[in-house]
Protein backbone atom coordinates (compact mmCIF):
# COMPACT_ATOMS: atom_id res chain seq x y z
CA UNK A 1 -24.16 17.63 -23.06
CA UNK A 2 -21.16 14.91 -23.19
CA UNK A 3 -19.33 13.00 -20.55
CA UNK A 4 -15.94 15.05 -19.99
CA UNK A 5 -12.97 12.90 -21.66
CA UNK A 6 -10.16 13.55 -19.30
CA UNK A 7 -7.69 11.87 -21.36
CA UNK A 8 -8.88 14.10 -24.55
CA UNK A 9 -9.18 16.66 -21.64
CA UNK A 10 -5.02 16.69 -20.62
CA UNK A 11 -4.01 15.90 -23.44
CA UNK A 12 -5.83 19.14 -25.18
CA UNK A 13 -3.94 20.85 -22.02
CA UNK A 14 -0.96 19.62 -22.88
CA UNK A 15 -0.74 20.42 -26.22
CA UNK A 16 -1.70 24.07 -25.08
CA UNK A 17 1.20 24.66 -22.80
CA UNK A 18 3.73 22.96 -25.07
CA UNK A 19 2.47 25.70 -28.32
CA UNK A 20 2.36 28.18 -25.56
CA UNK A 21 5.37 28.91 -24.23
CA UNK A 22 4.44 30.07 -20.60
CA UNK A 23 5.92 29.87 -17.45
CA UNK A 24 4.26 26.89 -15.61
CA UNK A 25 3.54 29.03 -12.63
CA UNK A 26 1.69 32.05 -15.08
CA UNK A 27 -0.01 29.43 -16.31
CA UNK A 28 -1.59 27.83 -12.81
CA UNK A 29 -2.78 31.08 -11.50
CA UNK A 30 -4.10 31.47 -14.49
CA UNK A 31 -5.83 28.09 -14.00
CA UNK A 32 -6.82 28.68 -10.57
CA UNK A 33 -4.57 25.89 -9.05
CA UNK A 34 -1.23 25.90 -6.88
CA UNK A 35 1.75 25.59 -9.00
CA UNK A 36 2.73 22.01 -7.29
CA UNK A 37 -0.70 21.05 -8.54
CA UNK A 38 -0.08 22.32 -11.94
CA UNK A 39 3.54 20.06 -11.51
CA UNK A 40 1.52 16.79 -10.54
CA UNK A 41 -1.07 17.39 -13.64
CA UNK A 42 2.48 17.07 -15.76
CA UNK A 43 4.22 13.62 -14.13
CA UNK A 44 0.83 11.96 -14.58
CA UNK A 45 0.69 11.24 -10.70
CA UNK A 46 -1.23 10.91 -8.91
CA UNK A 47 -4.35 10.65 -11.41
CA UNK A 48 -6.32 14.28 -12.03
CA UNK A 49 -9.26 14.97 -9.90
CA UNK A 50 -12.60 15.41 -11.47
CA UNK A 51 -12.97 18.86 -10.34
CA UNK A 52 -8.86 19.46 -11.86
CA UNK A 53 -10.09 18.22 -14.95
CA UNK A 54 -13.31 20.19 -15.45
CA UNK A 55 -10.98 23.79 -14.66
CA UNK A 56 -8.60 22.21 -17.18
CA UNK A 57 -11.60 21.89 -19.13
CA UNK A 58 -12.92 25.05 -18.98
CA UNK A 59 -9.18 26.70 -19.11
CA UNK A 60 -9.16 24.79 -22.84
CA UNK A 61 -12.06 25.48 -24.08
CA UNK A 62 -11.66 29.52 -22.95
CA UNK A 63 -8.40 29.59 -24.80
CA UNK A 64 -9.64 28.35 -27.39
CA UNK A 65 -12.37 30.92 -28.33
CA UNK A 66 -9.21 33.44 -27.90
CA UNK A 67 -7.98 35.22 -31.12
CA UNK A 68 -6.20 32.92 -33.25
CA UNK A 69 -3.18 35.80 -33.22
CA UNK A 70 -2.24 35.04 -29.14
CA UNK A 71 -1.03 37.21 -26.51
CA UNK A 72 1.76 38.45 -28.74
CA UNK A 73 4.42 36.04 -26.80
CA UNK A 74 6.58 34.14 -29.78
CA UNK A 75 8.94 31.76 -29.13
CA UNK A 76 12.92 33.34 -29.11
CA UNK A 77 13.70 32.79 -32.46
CA UNK A 78 16.97 32.23 -34.68
CA UNK A 79 18.18 34.85 -36.94
CA UNK A 80 21.20 34.42 -39.19
CA UNK A 81 24.34 35.20 -38.62
CA UNK A 82 26.37 36.49 -41.51
CA UNK A 83 29.22 34.55 -42.54
CA UNK A 84 32.63 36.42 -41.93
CA UNK A 85 35.72 35.45 -43.57
CA UNK A 86 38.05 35.09 -40.56
CA UNK A 87 41.03 33.85 -42.29
CA UNK A 88 43.88 35.91 -41.72
CA UNK A 89 46.02 37.08 -44.07
CA UNK A 90 49.63 38.10 -43.98
């Protein structure tokens, strides 16, 4: 088994979060950590422990095995609006 690369794990976790549109609190619950701990991970201070890196790695690996369609949550999409003539004729 290859040695765990903390930087790679953090990069992959940040990428997952950016694509997930999931609230930090809910994400922390799913990982099994406190939301303040997750906020510290995002802030980069202090450096996450090996135990935390292991949890993030297990989470990222498990999420990568899920269906490619995701959980059905999509970002809010912009809806084109009709062009309406706003001129007033007298």
